[in-house]
Amino acid sequence: MGQGAFDSGSRGEDAVLLAVGLADAALSRVGPVVNRAFRVLRRSDTADLVGAAGADLKARGRLVLDRYDTVPQAHLEYLAQRAQARRGNA
């Protein structure tokens, strides 16, 4: 395919050009990311980093569960307790 192969500009040809351009951009980004990942994996303290990251994620998960774990008191039960306390039957 020479440079003049897509000069007519139909929608199908434009779609192909966009797809090929997008794929090229994505592949050009993958190489540096993979290289960085391999550099991290080659570190001597990788096991410690993974352990610390796991502990941090567990702590974060525990905080989230604790935040949503408490169930608010039922509204009618709360009103009944207040009425009972007013009567002095607490």
PDB file of N, CA and C in Angstrom:
ATOM      1  N   MET A   1       0.840  -1.172   0.000  1.00  0.00           N
ATOM      2  CA  MET A   1       0.000   0.000   0.000  1.00  0.00           C
ATOM      3  C   MET A   1       0.879   1.227   0.000  1.00  0.00           C
ATOM      4  N   GLY A   2       0.815   1.941  -1.033  1.00  0.00           N
ATOM      5  CA  GLY A   2       1.589   3.160  -1.124  1.00  0.00           C
ATOM      6  C   GLY A   2       0.878   4.298  -0.435  1.00  0.00           C
ATOM      7  N   GLN A   3       1.483   5.463  -0.477  1.00  0.00           N
ATOM      8  CA  GLN A   3       0.893   6.615   0.183  1.00  0.00           C
ATOM      9  C   GLN A   3      -0.417   7.005  -0.476  1.00  0.00           C
ATOM     10  N   GLY A   4      -0.559   6.769  -1.763  1.00  0.00           N
ATOM     11  CA  GLY A   4      -1.768   7.146  -2.471  1.00  0.00           C
ATOM     12  C   GLY A   4      -2.870   6.117  -2.367  1.00  0.00           C
ATOM     13  N   ALA A   5      -2.655   5.020  -1.635  1.00  0.00           N
ATOM     14  CA  ALA A   5      -3.652   3.951  -1.558  1.00  0.00           C
ATOM     15  C   ALA A   5      -4.916   4.407  -0.848  1.00  0.00           C
ATOM     16  N   PHE A   6      -4.816   5.357   0.102  1.00  0.00           N
ATOM     17  CA  PHE A   6      -5.978   5.787   0.862  1.00  0.00           C
ATOM     18  C   PHE A   6      -6.323   7.247   0.586  1.00  0.00           C
ATOM     19  N   ASP A   7      -6.038   7.723  -0.588  1.00  0.00           N
ATOM     20  CA  ASP A   7      -6.285   9.120  -0.909  1.00  0.00           C
ATOM     21  C   ASP A   7      -7.757   9.432  -1.130  1.00  0.00           C
ATOM     22  N   SER A   8      -8.582   8.426  -1.434  1.00  0.00           N
ATOM     23  CA  SER A   8      -9.973   8.714  -1.753  1.00  0.00           C
ATOM     24  C   SER A   8     -10.761   9.135  -0.519  1.00  0.00           C
ATOM     25  N   GLY A   9     -10.378   8.693   0.677  1.00  0.00           N
ATOM     26  CA  GLY A   9     -10.991   9.170   1.906  1.00  0.00           C
ATOM     27  C   GLY A   9     -12.353   8.602   2.221  1.00  0.00           C
ATOM     28  N   SER A  10     -12.661   7.380   1.806  1.00  0.00           N
ATOM     29  CA  SER A  10     -13.956   6.808   2.159  1.00  0.00           C
ATOM     30  C   SER A  10     -13.975   6.494   3.654  1.00  0.00           C
ATOM     31  N   ARG A  11     -15.150   6.276   4.182  1.00  0.00           N
ATOM     32  CA  ARG A  11     -15.295   6.007   5.620  1.00  0.00           C
ATOM     33  C   ARG A  11     -14.588   4.727   6.036  1.00  0.00           C
ATOM     34  N   GLY A  12     -14.676   3.705   5.193  1.00  0.00           N
ATOM     35  CA  GLY A  12     -14.013   2.446   5.513  1.00  0.00           C
ATOM     36  C   GLY A  12     -12.504   2.611   5.576  1.00  0.00           C
ATOM     37  N   GLU A  13     -11.977   3.350   4.631  1.00  0.00           N
ATOM     38  CA  GLU A  13     -10.530   3.573   4.618  1.00  0.00           C
ATOM     39  C   GLU A  13     -10.106   4.432   5.801  1.00  0.00           C
ATOM     40  N   ASP A  14     -10.920   5.418   6.137  1.00  0.00           N
ATOM     41  CA  ASP A  14     -10.613   6.246   7.303  1.00  0.00           C
ATOM     42  C   ASP A  14     -10.631   5.407   8.577  1.00  0.00           C
ATOM     43  N   ALA A  15     -11.592   4.503   8.682  1.00  0.00           N
ATOM     44  CA  ALA A  15     -11.680   3.639   9.859  1.00  0.00           C
ATOM     45  C   ALA A  15     -10.447   2.750   9.972  1.00  0.00           C
ATOM     46  N   VAL A  16      -9.989   2.210   8.828  1.00  0.00           N
ATOM     47  CA  VAL A  16      -8.794   1.372   8.836  1.00  0.00           C
ATOM     48  C   VAL A  16      -7.583   2.184   9.266  1.00  0.00           C
ATOM     49  N   LEU A  17      -7.445   3.380   8.732  1.00  0.00           N
ATOM     50  CA  LEU A  17      -6.316   4.231   9.099  1.00  0.00           C
ATOM     51  C   LEU A  17      -6.343   4.580  10.584  1.00  0.00           C
ATOM     52  N   LEU A  18      -7.526   4.892  11.096  1.00  0.00           N
ATOM     53  CA  LEU A  18      -7.632   5.198  12.521  1.00  0.00           C
ATOM     54  C   LEU A  18      -7.288   3.995  13.385  1.00  0.00           C
ATOM     55  N   ALA A  19      -7.771   2.814  12.989  1.00  0.00           N
ATOM     56  CA  ALA A  19      -7.488   1.603  13.759  1.00  0.00           C
ATOM     57  C   ALA A  19      -6.003   1.271  13.758  1.00  0.00           C
ATOM     58  N   VAL A  20      -5.372   1.393  12.600  1.00  0.00           N
ATOM     59  CA  VAL A  20      -3.944   1.103  12.500  1.00  0.00           C
ATOM     60  C   VAL A  20      -3.136   2.127  13.299  1.00  0.00           C
ATOM     61  N   GLY A  21      -3.515   3.384  13.222  1.00  0.00           N
ATOM     62  CA  GLY A  21      -2.830   4.418  13.994  1.00  0.00           C
ATOM     63  C   GLY A  21      -2.976   4.205  15.487  1.00  0.00           C
ATOM     64  N   LEU A  22      -4.173   3.828  15.922  1.00  0.00           N
ATOM     65  CA  LEU A  22      -4.413   3.549  17.336  1.00  0.00           C
ATOM     66  C   LEU A  22      -3.609   2.348  17.806  1.00  0.00           C
ATOM     67  N   ALA A  23      -3.570   1.296  17.001  1.00  0.00           N
ATOM     68  CA  ALA A  23      -2.796   0.103  17.361  1.00  0.00           C
ATOM     69  C   ALA A  23      -1.313   0.431  17.458  1.00  0.00           C
ATOM     70  N   ASP A  24      -0.810   1.241  16.532  1.00  0.00           N
ATOM     71  CA  ASP A  24       0.598   1.629  16.569  1.00  0.00           C
ATOM     72  C   ASP A  24       0.908   2.447  17.820  1.00  0.00           C
ATOM     73  N   ALA A  25       0.021   3.369  18.174  1.00  0.00           N
ATOM     74  CA  ALA A  25       0.233   4.175  19.374  1.00  0.00           C
ATOM     75  C   ALA A  25       0.212   3.304  20.628  1.00  0.00           C
ATOM     76  N   ALA A  26      -0.711   2.346  20.676  1.00  0.00           N
ATOM     77  CA  ALA A  26      -0.800   1.463  21.842  1.00  0.00           C
ATOM     78  C   ALA A  26       0.445   0.593  21.964  1.00  0.00           C
ATOM     79  N   LEU A  27       0.901   0.034  20.862  1.00  0.00           N
ATOM     80  CA  LEU A  27       2.087  -0.823  20.900  1.00  0.00           C
ATOM     81  C   LEU A  27       3.343  -0.049  21.244  1.00  0.00           C
ATOM     82  N   SER A  28       3.412   1.204  20.841  1.00  0.00           N
ATOM     83  CA  SER A  28       4.595   1.988  21.181  1.00  0.00           C
ATOM     84  C   SER A  28       4.642   2.306  22.670  1.00  0.00           C
ATOM     85  N   ARG A  29       3.497   2.259  23.351  1.00  0.00           N
ATOM     86  CA  ARG A  29       3.443   2.504  24.796  1.00  0.00           C
ATOM     87  C   ARG A  29       3.694   1.239  25.602  1.00  0.00           C
ATOM     88  N   VAL A  30       3.439   0.077  25.039  1.00  0.00           N
ATOM     89  CA  VAL A  30       3.552  -1.176  25.775  1.00  0.00           C
ATOM     90  C   VAL A  30       5.009  -1.498  26.108  1.00  0.00           C
ATOM     91  N   GLY A  31       5.919  -1.240  25.210  1.00  0.00           N
ATOM     92  CA  GLY A  31       7.326  -1.579  25.420  1.00  0.00           C
ATOM     93  C   GLY A  31       7.913  -0.976  26.678  1.00  0.00           C
ATOM     94  N   PRO A  32       7.820   0.333  26.872  1.00  0.00           N
ATOM     95  CA  PRO A  32       8.367   0.928  28.099  1.00  0.00           C
ATOM     96  C   PRO A  32       7.697   0.414  29.370  1.00  0.00           C
ATOM     97  N   VAL A  33       6.405   0.149  29.316  1.00  0.00           N
ATOM     98  CA  VAL A  33       5.697  -0.357  30.494  1.00  0.00           C
ATOM     99  C   VAL A  33       6.205  -1.753  30.852  1.00  0.00           C
ATOM    100  N   VAL A  34       6.384  -2.607  29.862  1.00  0.00           N
ATOM    101  CA  VAL A  34       6.886  -3.958  30.108  1.00  0.00           C
ATOM    102  C   VAL A  34       8.310  -3.895  30.649  1.00  0.00           C
ATOM    103  N   ASN A  35       9.143  -3.039  30.091  1.00  0.00           N
ATOM    104  CA  ASN A  35      10.515  -2.897  30.586  1.00  0.00           C
ATOM    105  C   ASN A  35      10.535  -2.435  32.040  1.00  0.00           C
ATOM    106  N   ARG A  36       9.691  -1.496  32.384  1.00  0.00           N
ATOM    107  CA  ARG A  36       9.621  -1.021  33.769  1.00  0.00           C
ATOM    108  C   ARG A  36       9.160  -2.138  34.701  1.00  0.00           C
ATOM    109  N   ALA A  37       8.193  -2.934  34.249  1.00  0.00           N
ATOM    110  CA  ALA A  37       7.712  -4.042  35.082  1.00  0.00           C
ATOM    111  C   ALA A  37       8.825  -5.065  35.325  1.00  0.00           C
ATOM    112  N   PHE A  38       9.606  -5.371  34.299  1.00  0.00           N
ATOM    113  CA  PHE A  38      10.706  -6.314  34.477  1.00  0.00           C
ATOM    114  C   PHE A  38      11.769  -5.751  35.414  1.00  0.00           C
ATOM    115  N   ARG A  39      12.037  -4.451  35.352  1.00  0.00           N
ATOM    116  CA  ARG A  39      13.005  -3.841  36.265  1.00  0.00           C
ATOM    117  C   ARG A  39      12.540  -3.959  37.707  1.00  0.00           C
ATOM    118  N   VAL A  40      11.251  -3.761  37.945  1.00  0.00           N
ATOM    119  CA  VAL A  40      10.716  -3.882  39.302  1.00  0.00           C
ATOM    120  C   VAL A  40      10.817  -5.323  39.774  1.00  0.00           C
ATOM    121  N   LEU A  41      10.517  -6.269  38.895  1.00  0.00           N
ATOM    122  CA  LEU A  41      10.572  -7.678  39.289  1.00  0.00           C
ATOM    123  C   LEU A  41      11.991  -8.148  39.570  1.00  0.00           C
ATOM    124  N   ARG A  42      12.990  -7.512  38.983  1.00  0.00           N
ATOM    125  CA  ARG A  42      14.377  -7.906  39.197  1.00  0.00           C
ATOM    126  C   ARG A  42      14.953  -7.348  40.488  1.00  0.00           C
ATOM    127  N   ARG A  43      14.253  -6.463  41.152  1.00  0.00           N
ATOM    128  CA  ARG A  43      14.769  -5.881  42.391  1.00  0.00           C
ATOM    129  C   ARG A  43      14.922  -6.954  43.456  1.00  0.00           C
ATOM    130  N   SER A  44      15.874  -6.765  44.347  1.00  0.00           N
ATOM    131  CA  SER A  44      16.120  -7.762  45.379  1.00  0.00           C
ATOM    132  C   SER A  44      15.057  -7.731  46.469  1.00  0.00           C
ATOM    133  N   ASP A  45      14.390  -6.599  46.644  1.00  0.00           N
ATOM    134  CA  ASP A  45      13.384  -6.499  47.700  1.00  0.00           C
ATOM    135  C   ASP A  45      11.958  -6.604  47.159  1.00  0.00           C
ATOM    136  N   THR A  46      11.797  -7.279  46.039  1.00  0.00           N
ATOM    137  CA  THR A  46      10.476  -7.415  45.429  1.00  0.00           C
ATOM    138  C   THR A  46       9.489  -8.112  46.364  1.00  0.00           C
ATOM    139  N   ALA A  47       9.952  -9.168  47.030  1.00  0.00           N
ATOM    140  CA  ALA A  47       9.062  -9.899  47.943  1.00  0.00           C
ATOM    141  C   ALA A  47       8.600  -8.983  49.077  1.00  0.00           C
ATOM    142  N   ASP A  48       9.504  -8.151  49.593  1.00  0.00           N
ATOM    143  CA  ASP A  48       9.121  -7.221  50.649  1.00  0.00           C
ATOM    144  C   ASP A  48       8.127  -6.189  50.147  1.00  0.00           C
ATOM    145  N   LEU A  49       8.350  -5.700  48.913  1.00  0.00           N
ATOM    146  CA  LEU A  49       7.421  -4.726  48.333  1.00  0.00           C
ATOM    147  C   LEU A  49       6.028  -5.320  48.150  1.00  0.00           C
ATOM    148  N   VAL A  50       5.987  -6.557  47.666  1.00  0.00           N
ATOM    149  CA  VAL A  50       4.698  -7.222  47.460  1.00  0.00           C
ATOM    150  C   VAL A  50       4.002  -7.455  48.796  1.00  0.00           C
ATOM    151  N   GLY A  51       4.767  -7.874  49.791  1.00  0.00           N
ATOM    152  CA  GLY A  51       4.185  -8.091  51.120  1.00  0.00           C
ATOM    153  C   GLY A  51       3.643  -6.810  51.724  1.00  0.00           C
ATOM    154  N   ALA A  52       4.406  -5.721  51.592  1.00  0.00           N
ATOM    155  CA  ALA A  52       3.955  -4.440  52.122  1.00  0.00           C
ATOM    156  C   ALA A  52       2.721  -3.943  51.373  1.00  0.00           C
ATOM    157  N   ALA A  53       2.718  -4.114  50.056  1.00  0.00           N
ATOM    158  CA  ALA A  53       1.558  -3.694  49.263  1.00  0.00           C
ATOM    159  C   ALA A  53       0.325  -4.514  49.644  1.00  0.00           C
ATOM    160  N   GLY A  54       0.516  -5.809  49.860  1.00  0.00           N
ATOM    161  CA  GLY A  54      -0.607  -6.656  50.277  1.00  0.00           C
ATOM    162  C   GLY A  54      -1.150  -6.242  51.631  1.00  0.00           C
ATOM    163  N   ALA A  55      -0.248  -5.939  52.570  1.00  0.00           N
ATOM    164  CA  ALA A  55      -0.687  -5.498  53.898  1.00  0.00           C
ATOM    165  C   ALA A  55      -1.432  -4.168  53.809  1.00  0.00           C
ATOM    166  N   ASP A  56      -0.935  -3.265  52.976  1.00  0.00           N
ATOM    167  CA  ASP A  56      -1.617  -1.980  52.801  1.00  0.00           C
ATOM    168  C   ASP A  56      -3.007  -2.159  52.208  1.00  0.00           C
ATOM    169  N   LEU A  57      -3.128  -3.035  51.226  1.00  0.00           N
ATOM    170  CA  LEU A  57      -4.436  -3.269  50.612  1.00  0.00           C
ATOM    171  C   LEU A  57      -5.402  -3.922  51.593  1.00  0.00           C
ATOM    172  N   LYS A  58      -4.902  -4.851  52.419  1.00  0.00           N
ATOM    173  CA  LYS A  58      -5.765  -5.475  53.429  1.00  0.00           C
ATOM    174  C   LYS A  58      -6.244  -4.447  54.442  1.00  0.00           C
ATOM    175  N   ALA A  59      -5.335  -3.568  54.884  1.00  0.00           N
ATOM    176  CA  ALA A  59      -5.722  -2.531  55.846  1.00  0.00           C
ATOM    177  C   ALA A  59      -6.752  -1.592  55.237  1.00  0.00           C
ATOM    178  N   ARG A  60      -6.538  -1.248  53.989  1.00  0.00           N
ATOM    179  CA  ARG A  60      -7.487  -0.373  53.308  1.00  0.00           C
ATOM    180  C   ARG A  60      -8.854  -1.052  53.176  1.00  0.00           C
ATOM    181  N   GLY A  61      -8.850  -2.327  52.816  1.00  0.00           N
ATOM    182  CA  GLY A  61     -10.102  -3.075  52.725  1.00  0.00           C
ATOM    183  C   GLY A  61     -10.815  -3.166  54.062  1.00  0.00           C
ATOM    184  N   ARG A  62     -10.034  -3.358  55.132  1.00  0.00           N
ATOM    185  CA  ARG A  62     -10.623  -3.427  56.469  1.00  0.00           C
ATOM    186  C   ARG A  62     -11.287  -2.098  56.823  1.00  0.00           C
ATOM    187  N   LEU A  63     -10.638  -0.983  56.490  1.00  0.00           N
ATOM    188  CA  LEU A  63     -11.222   0.327  56.764  1.00  0.00           C
ATOM    189  C   LEU A  63     -12.529   0.533  56.000  1.00  0.00           C
ATOM    190  N   VAL A  64     -12.549   0.111  54.760  1.00  0.00           N
ATOM    191  CA  VAL A  64     -13.764   0.271  53.955  1.00  0.00           C
ATOM    192  C   VAL A  64     -14.892  -0.577  54.524  1.00  0.00           C
ATOM    193  N   LEU A  65     -14.588  -1.827  54.872  1.00  0.00           N
ATOM    194  CA  LEU A  65     -15.629  -2.687  55.442  1.00  0.00           C
ATOM    195  C   LEU A  65     -16.125  -2.160  56.775  1.00  0.00           C
ATOM    196  N   ASP A  66     -15.221  -1.641  57.595  1.00  0.00           N
ATOM    197  CA  ASP A  66     -15.636  -1.078  58.875  1.00  0.00           C
ATOM    198  C   ASP A  66     -16.513   0.152  58.686  1.00  0.00           C
ATOM    199  N   ARG A  67     -16.227   0.921  57.648  1.00  0.00           N
ATOM    200  CA  ARG A  67     -17.011   2.121  57.387  1.00  0.00           C
ATOM    201  C   ARG A  67     -18.456   1.769  57.044  1.00  0.00           C
ATOM    202  N   TYR A  68     -18.648   0.686  56.302  1.00  0.00           N
ATOM    203  CA  TYR A  68     -19.992   0.322  55.862  1.00  0.00           C
ATOM    204  C   TYR A  68     -20.592  -0.816  56.663  1.00  0.00           C
ATOM    205  N   ASP A  69     -19.867  -1.313  57.654  1.00  0.00           N
ATOM    206  CA  ASP A  69     -20.333  -2.470  58.415  1.00  0.00           C
ATOM    207  C   ASP A  69     -21.372  -2.087  59.458  1.00  0.00           C
ATOM    208  N   THR A  70     -21.254  -0.919  60.031  1.00  0.00           N
ATOM    209  CA  THR A  70     -22.182  -0.537  61.084  1.00  0.00           C
ATOM    210  C   THR A  70     -23.558  -0.279  60.492  1.00  0.00           C
ATOM    211  N   VAL A  71     -24.524  -0.953  61.026  1.00  0.00           N
ATOM    212  CA  VAL A  71     -25.905  -0.811  60.564  1.00  0.00           C
ATOM    213  C   VAL A  71     -26.588   0.205  61.469  1.00  0.00           C
ATOM    214  N   PRO A  72     -27.167   1.230  60.906  1.00  0.00           N
ATOM    215  CA  PRO A  72     -27.829   2.213  61.760  1.00  0.00           C
ATOM    216  C   PRO A  72     -29.030   1.592  62.477  1.00  0.00           C
ATOM    217  N   GLN A  73     -29.297   2.138  63.639  1.00  0.00           N
ATOM    218  CA  GLN A  73     -30.408   1.635  64.436  1.00  0.00           C
ATOM    219  C   GLN A  73     -31.724   1.897  63.711  1.00  0.00           C
ATOM    220  N   ALA A  74     -32.647   0.961  63.848  1.00  0.00           N
ATOM    221  CA  ALA A  74     -33.949   1.114  63.209  1.00  0.00           C
ATOM    222  C   ALA A  74     -34.656   2.344  63.783  1.00  0.00           C
ATOM    223  N   HIS A  75     -35.276   3.091  62.914  1.00  0.00           N
ATOM    224  CA  HIS A  75     -35.894   4.362  63.293  1.00  0.00           C
ATOM    225  C   HIS A  75     -36.975   4.183  64.364  1.00  0.00           C
ATOM    226  N   LEU A  76     -37.863   3.232  64.170  1.00  0.00           N
ATOM    227  CA  LEU A  76     -38.938   3.022  65.145  1.00  0.00           C
ATOM    228  C   LEU A  76     -38.394   2.536  66.483  1.00  0.00           C
ATOM    229  N   GLU A  77     -37.361   1.718  66.443  1.00  0.00           N
ATOM    230  CA  GLU A  77     -36.753   1.253  67.692  1.00  0.00           C
ATOM    231  C   GLU A  77     -36.145   2.431  68.453  1.00  0.00           C
ATOM    232  N   TYR A  78     -35.509   3.320  67.737  1.00  0.00           N
ATOM    233  CA  TYR A  78     -34.928   4.516  68.348  1.00  0.00           C
ATOM    234  C   TYR A  78     -36.013   5.374  68.998  1.00  0.00           C
ATOM    235  N   LEU A  79     -37.131   5.588  68.280  1.00  0.00           N
ATOM    236  CA  LEU A  79     -38.225   6.379  68.839  1.00  0.00           C
ATOM    237  C   LEU A  79     -38.828   5.717  70.070  1.00  0.00           C
ATOM    238  N   ALA A  80     -38.951   4.407  70.049  1.00  0.00           N
ATOM    239  CA  ALA A  80     -39.493   3.686  71.204  1.00  0.00           C
ATOM    240  C   ALA A  80     -38.568   3.824  72.406  1.00  0.00           C
ATOM    241  N   GLN A  81     -37.277   3.747  72.192  1.00  0.00           N
ATOM    242  CA  GLN A  81     -36.334   3.897  73.297  1.00  0.00           C
ATOM    243  C   GLN A  81     -36.391   5.306  73.867  1.00  0.00           C
ATOM    244  N   ARG A  82     -36.533   6.305  73.032  1.00  0.00           N
ATOM    245  CA  ARG A  82     -36.645   7.683  73.520  1.00  0.00           C
ATOM    246  C   ARG A  82     -37.925   7.875  74.322  1.00  0.00           C
ATOM    247  N   ALA A  83     -39.032   7.323  73.840  1.00  0.00           N
ATOM    248  CA  ALA A  83     -40.297   7.448  74.557  1.00  0.00           C
ATOM    249  C   ALA A  83     -40.220   6.736  75.901  1.00  0.00           C
ATOM    250  N   GLN A  84     -39.602   5.592  75.925  1.00  0.00           N
ATOM    251  CA  GLN A  84     -39.448   4.836  77.169  1.00  0.00           C
ATOM    252  C   GLN A  84     -38.558   5.615  78.156  1.00  0.00           C
ATOM    253  N   ALA A  85     -37.518   6.251  77.643  1.00  0.00           N
ATOM    254  CA  ALA A  85     -36.627   7.018  78.503  1.00  0.00           C
ATOM    255  C   ALA A  85     -37.343   8.234  79.085  1.00  0.00           C
ATOM    256  N   ARG A  86     -38.238   8.839  78.300  1.00  0.00           N
ATOM    257  CA  ARG A  86     -39.007   9.991  78.785  1.00  0.00           C
ATOM    258  C   ARG A  86     -39.937   9.597  79.926  1.00  0.00           C
ATOM    259  N   ARG A  87     -40.494   8.395  79.824  1.00  0.00           N
ATOM    260  CA  ARG A  87     -41.411   7.925  80.867  1.00  0.00           C
ATOM    261  C   ARG A  87     -40.673   7.489  82.118  1.00  0.00           C
ATOM    262  N   GLY A  88     -39.372   7.343  82.009  1.00  0.00           N
ATOM    263  CA  GLY A  88     -38.579   6.940  83.160  1.00  0.00           C
ATOM    264  C   GLY A  88     -38.508   5.430  83.337  1.00  0.00           C
ATOM    265  N   ASN A  89     -38.834   4.693  82.293  1.00  0.00           N
ATOM    266  CA  ASN A  89     -38.786   3.228  82.362  1.00  0.00           C
ATOM    267  C   ASN A  89     -37.491   2.685  81.812  1.00  0.00           C
ATOM    268  N   ALA A  90     -36.494   3.498  81.705  1.00  0.00           N
ATOM    269  CA  ALA A  90     -35.223   3.044  81.114  1.00  0.00           C
ATOM    270  C   ALA A  90     -34.588   2.130  82.059  1.00  0.00           C
TER     271      ALA A  90
END
